[in-house]
Amino acid sequence: MLYSSSDGRFKVLLFSDVISQLTNMIKIANNFETGGIMLGIYTHDQFVAQVRHITEPPKDSEFGPTWFRRGVKGLQKLLDKHWKREEYYLGEWHYHPNASANPSLQDISQMNQISNAKDYHCPEPILLIIGGNFKNYEIRIFISLGNQKLIDLKRISRC
């Protein structure tokens, strides 16, 4: 699926295998929030971020029915492995079980922090929220510019 901002400045491509991974992870999570990071590449013109991989929640993550705190255990090793293949950290994903895919104030704050953090090297991180359940879900994608608001991308095509 291809998502785009209304002005066409930002585009994100989700491959069908990534969507399958997402639905498998939310099926396992059931009624608890879950999440991880997204890895991939940017096209040569820097206009499209291609999400090639998503991670499971790191082992030190914490979660409940209405909250998720992503851990960090094992992520640096994984990021280093992907960096060697010229794949990069693109942003965060998480699941809102039996709820909408709208970002919470905490989601917005977290993305603002990531956007402004020098150690992430990601001034425009992507946020993917999947809401609902594994049979009936909605995926929404946002870009953070580090200014306490998110740019909502709309699905423009299926791939």
N, C-alpha and C. Protein backbone atom coordinates (compact mmCIF):
# COMPACT_ATOMS: atom_id res chain seq x y z
N MET A 1 0.84 -1.17 0.00
CA MET A 1 0.00 0.00 0.00
C MET A 1 0.89 1.24 0.00
N LEU A 2 0.49 2.21 -0.77
CA LEU A 2 1.23 3.47 -0.84
C LEU A 2 0.41 4.56 -0.15
N TYR A 3 1.07 5.28 0.75
CA TYR A 3 0.46 6.39 1.49
C TYR A 3 1.18 7.67 1.11
N SER A 4 0.44 8.78 1.09
CA SER A 4 1.04 10.06 0.71
C SER A 4 0.43 11.20 1.52
N SER A 5 1.24 12.22 1.77
CA SER A 5 0.71 13.45 2.35
C SER A 5 -0.08 14.17 1.27
N SER A 6 -0.95 15.07 1.66
CA SER A 6 -1.81 15.75 0.69
C SER A 6 -1.01 16.57 -0.32
N ASP A 7 0.16 17.05 0.09
CA ASP A 7 0.99 17.83 -0.83
C ASP A 7 1.98 16.96 -1.62
N GLY A 8 1.99 15.64 -1.36
CA GLY A 8 2.89 14.73 -2.06
C GLY A 8 4.33 14.78 -1.59
N ARG A 9 4.60 15.56 -0.55
CA ARG A 9 5.97 15.69 -0.05
C ARG A 9 6.48 14.41 0.61
N PHE A 10 5.59 13.70 1.30
CA PHE A 10 5.97 12.48 2.01
C PHE A 10 5.18 11.31 1.47
N LYS A 11 5.88 10.19 1.22
CA LYS A 11 5.22 8.97 0.78
C LYS A 11 5.84 7.80 1.53
N VAL A 12 4.99 6.84 1.86
CA VAL A 12 5.43 5.62 2.55
C VAL A 12 4.83 4.43 1.84
N LEU A 13 5.67 3.46 1.53
CA LEU A 13 5.24 2.23 0.87
C LEU A 13 5.33 1.08 1.86
N LEU A 14 4.18 0.40 2.05
CA LEU A 14 4.11 -0.80 2.90
C LEU A 14 3.94 -2.00 2.00
N PHE A 15 4.83 -2.94 2.09
CA PHE A 15 4.72 -4.16 1.29
C PHE A 15 3.74 -5.13 1.95
N SER A 16 3.15 -6.01 1.17
CA SER A 16 2.13 -6.93 1.68
C SER A 16 2.69 -7.86 2.76
N ASP A 17 3.98 -8.25 2.68
CA ASP A 17 4.53 -9.12 3.72
C ASP A 17 4.66 -8.38 5.04
N VAL A 18 4.89 -7.07 5.01
CA VAL A 18 4.94 -6.28 6.24
C VAL A 18 3.54 -6.21 6.86
N ILE A 19 2.54 -6.03 6.03
CA ILE A 19 1.16 -6.00 6.54
C ILE A 19 0.80 -7.35 7.14
N SER A 20 1.22 -8.44 6.52
CA SER A 20 0.99 -9.78 7.07
C SER A 20 1.67 -9.94 8.43
N GLN A 21 2.89 -9.44 8.55
CA GLN A 21 3.59 -9.49 9.83
C GLN A 21 2.83 -8.71 10.89
N LEU A 22 2.36 -7.52 10.52
CA LEU A 22 1.59 -6.70 11.46
C LEU A 22 0.35 -7.44 11.96
N THR A 23 -0.41 -8.02 11.03
CA THR A 23 -1.64 -8.69 11.45
C THR A 23 -1.34 -9.93 12.29
N ASN A 24 -0.25 -10.62 12.01
CA ASN A 24 0.13 -11.76 12.85
C ASN A 24 0.49 -11.31 14.26
N MET A 25 1.22 -10.20 14.36
CA MET A 25 1.62 -9.71 15.68
C MET A 25 0.42 -9.21 16.49
N ILE A 26 -0.54 -8.57 15.82
CA ILE A 26 -1.69 -8.09 16.60
C ILE A 26 -2.61 -9.25 16.98
N LYS A 27 -2.61 -10.31 16.19
CA LYS A 27 -3.37 -11.50 16.55
C LYS A 27 -2.81 -12.10 17.83
N ILE A 28 -1.48 -12.18 17.91
CA ILE A 28 -0.82 -12.72 19.10
C ILE A 28 -1.05 -11.81 20.30
N ALA A 29 -0.97 -10.49 20.09
CA ALA A 29 -1.14 -9.53 21.19
C ALA A 29 -2.56 -9.52 21.73
N ASN A 30 -3.52 -9.86 20.87
CA ASN A 30 -4.93 -9.94 21.24
C ASN A 30 -5.43 -8.61 21.79
N ASN A 31 -5.73 -8.52 23.05
CA ASN A 31 -6.31 -7.31 23.63
C ASN A 31 -5.29 -6.41 24.32
N PHE A 32 -4.00 -6.60 24.01
CA PHE A 32 -2.95 -5.78 24.59
C PHE A 32 -2.24 -4.99 23.49
N GLU A 33 -1.81 -3.79 23.84
CA GLU A 33 -1.03 -3.02 22.88
C GLU A 33 0.31 -3.70 22.65
N THR A 34 0.86 -3.49 21.49
CA THR A 34 2.18 -4.01 21.14
C THR A 34 2.79 -3.05 20.14
N GLY A 35 4.03 -3.27 19.79
CA GLY A 35 4.67 -2.39 18.81
C GLY A 35 6.13 -2.73 18.62
N GLY A 36 6.79 -1.91 17.85
CA GLY A 36 8.19 -2.10 17.55
C GLY A 36 8.68 -0.97 16.65
N ILE A 37 9.74 -1.26 15.92
CA ILE A 37 10.28 -0.26 15.01
C ILE A 37 10.12 -0.72 13.57
N MET A 38 10.28 0.24 12.66
CA MET A 38 10.23 -0.05 11.23
C MET A 38 11.59 0.25 10.62
N LEU A 39 12.00 -0.63 9.70
CA LEU A 39 13.28 -0.49 9.02
C LEU A 39 13.05 -0.53 7.53
N GLY A 40 13.91 0.16 6.79
CA GLY A 40 13.77 0.13 5.35
C GLY A 40 14.71 1.09 4.67
N ILE A 41 14.29 1.55 3.52
CA ILE A 41 15.12 2.44 2.71
C ILE A 41 14.29 3.62 2.22
N TYR A 42 15.00 4.59 1.71
CA TYR A 42 14.39 5.70 0.99
C TYR A 42 14.78 5.55 -0.47
N THR A 43 13.87 5.89 -1.37
CA THR A 43 14.21 5.85 -2.79
C THR A 43 15.31 6.88 -3.05
N HIS A 44 15.99 6.75 -4.17
CA HIS A 44 17.12 7.62 -4.49
C HIS A 44 16.74 9.10 -4.47
N ASP A 45 15.51 9.42 -4.84
CA ASP A 45 15.08 10.81 -4.84
C ASP A 45 14.60 11.27 -3.46
N GLN A 46 14.64 10.37 -2.47
CA GLN A 46 14.24 10.65 -1.08
C GLN A 46 12.75 10.93 -0.91
N PHE A 47 11.93 10.63 -1.92
CA PHE A 47 10.51 10.93 -1.83
C PHE A 47 9.68 9.82 -1.22
N VAL A 48 10.17 8.58 -1.26
CA VAL A 48 9.37 7.46 -0.77
C VAL A 48 10.18 6.65 0.24
N ALA A 49 9.62 6.47 1.42
CA ALA A 49 10.20 5.56 2.42
C ALA A 49 9.56 4.20 2.20
N GLN A 50 10.38 3.20 2.01
CA GLN A 50 9.88 1.84 1.81
C GLN A 50 10.09 1.04 3.10
N VAL A 51 9.00 0.68 3.75
CA VAL A 51 9.09 -0.11 4.98
C VAL A 51 9.28 -1.56 4.57
N ARG A 52 10.47 -2.08 4.84
CA ARG A 52 10.81 -3.45 4.45
C ARG A 52 10.72 -4.44 5.60
N HIS A 53 10.88 -3.93 6.82
CA HIS A 53 10.86 -4.82 7.99
C HIS A 53 10.21 -4.10 9.16
N ILE A 54 9.50 -4.87 9.97
CA ILE A 54 9.05 -4.39 11.27
C ILE A 54 9.56 -5.36 12.31
N THR A 55 9.76 -4.87 13.50
CA THR A 55 10.24 -5.75 14.57
C THR A 55 9.10 -6.11 15.51
N GLU A 56 9.29 -7.20 16.20
CA GLU A 56 8.44 -7.53 17.33
C GLU A 56 8.81 -6.58 18.46
N PRO A 57 8.01 -6.53 19.52
CA PRO A 57 8.40 -5.69 20.65
C PRO A 57 9.66 -6.26 21.29
N PRO A 58 10.65 -5.42 21.59
CA PRO A 58 11.83 -5.91 22.30
C PRO A 58 11.42 -6.56 23.62
N LYS A 59 12.24 -7.48 24.09
CA LYS A 59 11.92 -8.26 25.30
C LYS A 59 11.68 -7.40 26.54
N ASP A 60 12.28 -6.21 26.59
CA ASP A 60 12.11 -5.36 27.77
C ASP A 60 10.96 -4.35 27.59
N SER A 61 10.11 -4.56 26.61
CA SER A 61 8.94 -3.69 26.41
C SER A 61 7.92 -3.94 27.52
N GLU A 62 7.11 -2.93 27.79
CA GLU A 62 6.03 -3.04 28.77
C GLU A 62 4.73 -2.67 28.08
N PHE A 63 3.63 -3.32 28.49
CA PHE A 63 2.37 -3.09 27.79
C PHE A 63 1.18 -3.42 28.66
N GLY A 64 0.06 -2.90 28.24
CA GLY A 64 -1.22 -3.17 28.88
C GLY A 64 -2.31 -3.04 27.83
N PRO A 65 -3.56 -3.10 28.24
CA PRO A 65 -4.66 -3.00 27.28
C PRO A 65 -4.75 -1.64 26.57
N THR A 66 -4.25 -0.58 27.22
CA THR A 66 -4.38 0.75 26.63
C THR A 66 -3.06 1.53 26.60
N TRP A 67 -1.93 0.83 26.75
CA TRP A 67 -0.64 1.52 26.72
C TRP A 67 0.46 0.57 26.29
N PHE A 68 1.53 1.16 25.74
CA PHE A 68 2.70 0.39 25.30
C PHE A 68 3.95 1.25 25.45
N ARG A 69 4.98 0.68 26.04
CA ARG A 69 6.27 1.34 26.18
C ARG A 69 7.31 0.44 25.53
N ARG A 70 7.81 0.84 24.35
CA ARG A 70 8.76 0.02 23.62
C ARG A 70 10.09 -0.02 24.35
N GLY A 71 10.60 -1.24 24.52
CA GLY A 71 11.91 -1.41 25.11
C GLY A 71 13.01 -1.22 24.07
N VAL A 72 14.24 -1.50 24.48
CA VAL A 72 15.39 -1.29 23.59
C VAL A 72 16.28 -2.53 23.46
N LYS A 73 16.01 -3.55 24.25
CA LYS A 73 16.90 -4.71 24.30
C LYS A 73 17.05 -5.36 22.91
N GLY A 74 18.27 -5.43 22.43
CA GLY A 74 18.58 -6.06 21.16
C GLY A 74 18.44 -5.17 19.93
N LEU A 75 17.91 -3.96 20.11
CA LEU A 75 17.67 -3.11 18.95
C LEU A 75 18.95 -2.59 18.31
N GLN A 76 19.96 -2.22 19.12
CA GLN A 76 21.17 -1.67 18.53
C GLN A 76 21.86 -2.70 17.63
N LYS A 77 21.90 -3.94 18.08
CA LYS A 77 22.50 -5.00 17.26
C LYS A 77 21.72 -5.17 15.95
N LEU A 78 20.41 -5.14 16.04
CA LEU A 78 19.57 -5.27 14.86
C LEU A 78 19.76 -4.08 13.92
N LEU A 79 19.79 -2.88 14.47
CA LEU A 79 19.99 -1.68 13.65
C LEU A 79 21.35 -1.72 12.95
N ASP A 80 22.39 -2.16 13.67
CA ASP A 80 23.72 -2.28 13.06
C ASP A 80 23.72 -3.27 11.91
N LYS A 81 23.04 -4.39 12.08
CA LYS A 81 22.93 -5.41 11.03
C LYS A 81 22.26 -4.84 9.78
N HIS A 82 21.17 -4.13 9.97
CA HIS A 82 20.45 -3.56 8.84
C HIS A 82 21.22 -2.40 8.20
N TRP A 83 21.94 -1.63 9.02
CA TRP A 83 22.74 -0.51 8.51
C TRP A 83 23.76 -1.03 7.48
N LYS A 84 24.34 -2.18 7.76
CA LYS A 84 25.33 -2.77 6.83
C LYS A 84 24.68 -3.12 5.50
N ARG A 85 23.37 -3.37 5.51
CA ARG A 85 22.63 -3.67 4.27
C ARG A 85 21.99 -2.41 3.70
N GLU A 86 22.39 -1.26 4.24
CA GLU A 86 21.87 0.04 3.82
C GLU A 86 20.35 0.15 4.01
N GLU A 87 19.90 -0.42 5.13
CA GLU A 87 18.52 -0.27 5.57
C GLU A 87 18.56 0.47 6.91
N TYR A 88 17.60 1.35 7.12
CA TYR A 88 17.69 2.29 8.22
C TYR A 88 16.43 2.29 9.08
N TYR A 89 16.59 2.84 10.27
CA TYR A 89 15.46 3.10 11.15
C TYR A 89 14.56 4.12 10.47
N LEU A 90 13.28 3.79 10.31
CA LEU A 90 12.31 4.70 9.69
C LEU A 90 11.33 5.27 10.70
N GLY A 91 11.08 4.54 11.78
CA GLY A 91 10.11 5.03 12.75
C GLY A 91 9.54 3.92 13.60
N GLU A 92 8.37 4.19 14.16
CA GLU A 92 7.74 3.32 15.15
C GLU A 92 6.39 2.81 14.63
N TRP A 93 6.02 1.64 15.11
CA TRP A 93 4.67 1.14 14.86
C TRP A 93 4.10 0.64 16.17
N HIS A 94 2.80 0.74 16.31
CA HIS A 94 2.14 0.08 17.44
C HIS A 94 0.66 -0.12 17.18
N TYR A 95 0.09 -0.90 18.07
CA TYR A 95 -1.27 -1.42 17.92
C TYR A 95 -2.18 -0.86 19.00
N HIS A 96 -3.35 -0.37 18.57
CA HIS A 96 -4.43 0.04 19.47
C HIS A 96 -5.53 -1.03 19.38
N PRO A 97 -5.55 -2.00 20.30
CA PRO A 97 -6.53 -3.08 20.20
C PRO A 97 -7.96 -2.59 20.42
N ASN A 98 -8.83 -3.03 19.52
CA ASN A 98 -10.25 -2.71 19.61
C ASN A 98 -10.51 -1.21 19.74
N ALA A 99 -9.66 -0.43 19.09
CA ALA A 99 -9.77 1.03 19.14
C ALA A 99 -9.37 1.61 17.79
N SER A 100 -9.51 2.90 17.68
CA SER A 100 -9.15 3.56 16.42
C SER A 100 -7.64 3.65 16.26
N ALA A 101 -7.23 3.95 15.08
CA ALA A 101 -5.81 4.12 14.78
C ALA A 101 -5.39 5.58 14.91
N ASN A 102 -6.14 6.35 15.70
CA ASN A 102 -5.79 7.75 15.92
C ASN A 102 -4.65 7.84 16.92
N PRO A 103 -3.71 8.77 16.70
CA PRO A 103 -2.60 8.91 17.65
C PRO A 103 -3.06 9.57 18.94
N SER A 104 -2.50 9.09 20.04
CA SER A 104 -2.78 9.70 21.34
C SER A 104 -1.80 10.85 21.57
N LEU A 105 -2.04 11.62 22.62
CA LEU A 105 -1.10 12.69 22.98
C LEU A 105 0.27 12.11 23.28
N GLN A 106 0.30 10.92 23.91
CA GLN A 106 1.57 10.26 24.20
C GLN A 106 2.28 9.87 22.89
N ASP A 107 1.54 9.38 21.90
CA ASP A 107 2.12 9.04 20.59
C ASP A 107 2.76 10.26 19.96
N ILE A 108 2.04 11.38 19.99
CA ILE A 108 2.55 12.61 19.39
C ILE A 108 3.80 13.08 20.12
N SER A 109 3.78 13.03 21.43
CA SER A 109 4.93 13.45 22.23
C SER A 109 6.16 12.57 21.95
N GLN A 110 5.95 11.25 21.89
CA GLN A 110 7.05 10.33 21.62
C GLN A 110 7.67 10.61 20.25
N MET A 111 6.85 10.82 19.25
CA MET A 111 7.38 11.07 17.91
C MET A 111 8.11 12.40 17.85
N ASN A 112 7.63 13.39 18.58
CA ASN A 112 8.30 14.67 18.66
C ASN A 112 9.70 14.50 19.27
N GLN A 113 9.78 13.70 20.34
CA GLN A 113 11.08 13.44 20.97
C GLN A 113 12.04 12.75 20.01
N ILE A 114 11.55 11.75 19.29
CA ILE A 114 12.39 11.03 18.33
C ILE A 114 12.86 11.96 17.22
N SER A 115 11.96 12.78 16.72
CA SER A 115 12.29 13.72 15.65
C SER A 115 13.39 14.69 16.06
N ASN A 116 13.39 15.08 17.33
CA ASN A 116 14.37 16.05 17.82
C ASN A 116 15.61 15.43 18.43
N ALA A 117 15.65 14.09 18.57
CA ALA A 117 16.79 13.42 19.20
C ALA A 117 17.90 13.18 18.18
N LYS A 118 19.07 13.69 18.47
CA LYS A 118 20.22 13.54 17.56
C LYS A 118 20.64 12.08 17.39
N ASP A 119 20.53 11.27 18.44
CA ASP A 119 21.01 9.89 18.36
C ASP A 119 20.13 8.99 17.49
N TYR A 120 18.92 9.41 17.16
CA TYR A 120 18.07 8.62 16.26
C TYR A 120 18.42 8.86 14.79
N HIS A 121 19.01 10.02 14.48
CA HIS A 121 19.35 10.37 13.09
C HIS A 121 18.11 10.26 12.19
N CYS A 122 16.97 10.71 12.68
CA CYS A 122 15.72 10.56 11.94
C CYS A 122 14.84 11.79 12.20
N PRO A 123 15.10 12.90 11.49
CA PRO A 123 14.34 14.12 11.77
C PRO A 123 12.87 14.07 11.36
N GLU A 124 12.49 13.09 10.52
CA GLU A 124 11.10 12.97 10.08
C GLU A 124 10.63 11.52 10.26
N PRO A 125 10.56 11.04 11.52
CA PRO A 125 10.18 9.65 11.74
C PRO A 125 8.74 9.36 11.35
N ILE A 126 8.52 8.14 10.96
CA ILE A 126 7.19 7.65 10.57
C ILE A 126 6.54 6.99 11.79
N LEU A 127 5.26 7.21 11.95
CA LEU A 127 4.47 6.52 12.96
C LEU A 127 3.38 5.75 12.23
N LEU A 128 3.34 4.45 12.43
CA LEU A 128 2.28 3.60 11.90
C LEU A 128 1.47 3.11 13.09
N ILE A 129 0.17 3.35 13.04
CA ILE A 129 -0.73 2.84 14.07
C ILE A 129 -1.72 1.91 13.39
N ILE A 130 -1.86 0.73 13.96
CA ILE A 130 -2.87 -0.20 13.47
C ILE A 130 -3.91 -0.34 14.58
N GLY A 131 -5.15 -0.07 14.24
CA GLY A 131 -6.23 -0.12 15.22
C GLY A 131 -7.27 -1.14 14.83
N GLY A 132 -7.99 -1.65 15.82
CA GLY A 132 -9.04 -2.64 15.57
C GLY A 132 -8.63 -4.00 16.09
N ASN A 133 -8.71 -5.01 15.22
CA ASN A 133 -8.27 -6.36 15.58
C ASN A 133 -7.75 -7.03 14.31
N PHE A 134 -7.24 -8.26 14.43
CA PHE A 134 -6.58 -8.87 13.27
C PHE A 134 -7.54 -9.19 12.13
N LYS A 135 -8.83 -9.25 12.39
CA LYS A 135 -9.80 -9.50 11.32
C LYS A 135 -10.33 -8.22 10.69
N ASN A 136 -10.39 -7.17 11.48
CA ASN A 136 -10.96 -5.91 11.02
C ASN A 136 -10.09 -4.78 11.57
N TYR A 137 -9.18 -4.28 10.76
CA TYR A 137 -8.21 -3.30 11.23
C TYR A 137 -8.10 -2.11 10.27
N GLU A 138 -7.56 -1.05 10.80
CA GLU A 138 -7.27 0.15 10.03
C GLU A 138 -5.80 0.49 10.26
N ILE A 139 -5.10 0.85 9.21
CA ILE A 139 -3.71 1.29 9.32
C ILE A 139 -3.66 2.77 8.98
N ARG A 140 -3.05 3.54 9.87
CA ARG A 140 -2.83 4.96 9.59
C ARG A 140 -1.34 5.25 9.72
N ILE A 141 -0.87 6.14 8.88
CA ILE A 141 0.55 6.48 8.87
C ILE A 141 0.69 7.99 8.99
N PHE A 142 1.66 8.40 9.81
CA PHE A 142 1.92 9.81 10.09
C PHE A 142 3.42 10.08 9.99
N ILE A 143 3.75 11.33 9.72
CA ILE A 143 5.13 11.80 9.75
C ILE A 143 5.22 12.87 10.82
N SER A 144 6.27 12.79 11.63
CA SER A 144 6.51 13.80 12.65
C SER A 144 7.62 14.74 12.17
N LEU A 145 7.36 16.03 12.29
CA LEU A 145 8.37 17.02 11.95
C LEU A 145 8.99 17.65 13.21
N GLY A 146 8.66 17.08 14.37
CA GLY A 146 9.24 17.56 15.62
C GLY A 146 8.62 18.83 16.15
N ASN A 147 7.42 19.14 15.73
CA ASN A 147 6.77 20.38 16.16
C ASN A 147 5.45 20.13 16.88
N GLN A 148 5.34 18.99 17.53
CA GLN A 148 4.15 18.61 18.30
C GLN A 148 2.92 18.33 17.45
N LYS A 149 3.08 18.19 16.13
CA LYS A 149 1.94 17.76 15.33
C LYS A 149 2.43 16.75 14.31
N LEU A 150 1.49 15.96 13.85
CA LEU A 150 1.81 14.91 12.90
C LEU A 150 1.13 15.21 11.57
N ILE A 151 1.80 14.83 10.49
CA ILE A 151 1.21 14.93 9.16
C ILE A 151 0.57 13.58 8.86
N ASP A 152 -0.71 13.60 8.57
CA ASP A 152 -1.49 12.39 8.30
C ASP A 152 -1.34 12.03 6.82
N LEU A 153 -0.87 10.82 6.55
CA LEU A 153 -0.76 10.34 5.17
C LEU A 153 -1.99 9.52 4.85
N LYS A 154 -2.48 9.64 3.65
CA LYS A 154 -3.65 8.90 3.20
C LYS A 154 -3.22 7.80 2.23
N ARG A 155 -3.92 6.68 2.30
CA ARG A 155 -3.63 5.60 1.35
C ARG A 155 -4.08 6.04 -0.04
N ILE A 156 -3.16 5.96 -0.99
CA ILE A 156 -3.51 6.37 -2.35
C ILE A 156 -3.55 5.20 -3.32
N SER A 157 -2.95 4.05 -2.94
CA SER A 157 -3.04 2.87 -3.82
C SER A 157 -2.66 1.62 -3.06
N ARG A 158 -3.13 0.51 -3.60
CA ARG A 158 -2.73 -0.81 -3.14
C ARG A 158 -1.62 -1.30 -4.04
N CYS A 159 -0.68 -2.01 -3.47
CA CYS A 159 0.41 -2.55 -4.29
C CYS A 159 0.27 -4.04 -4.47
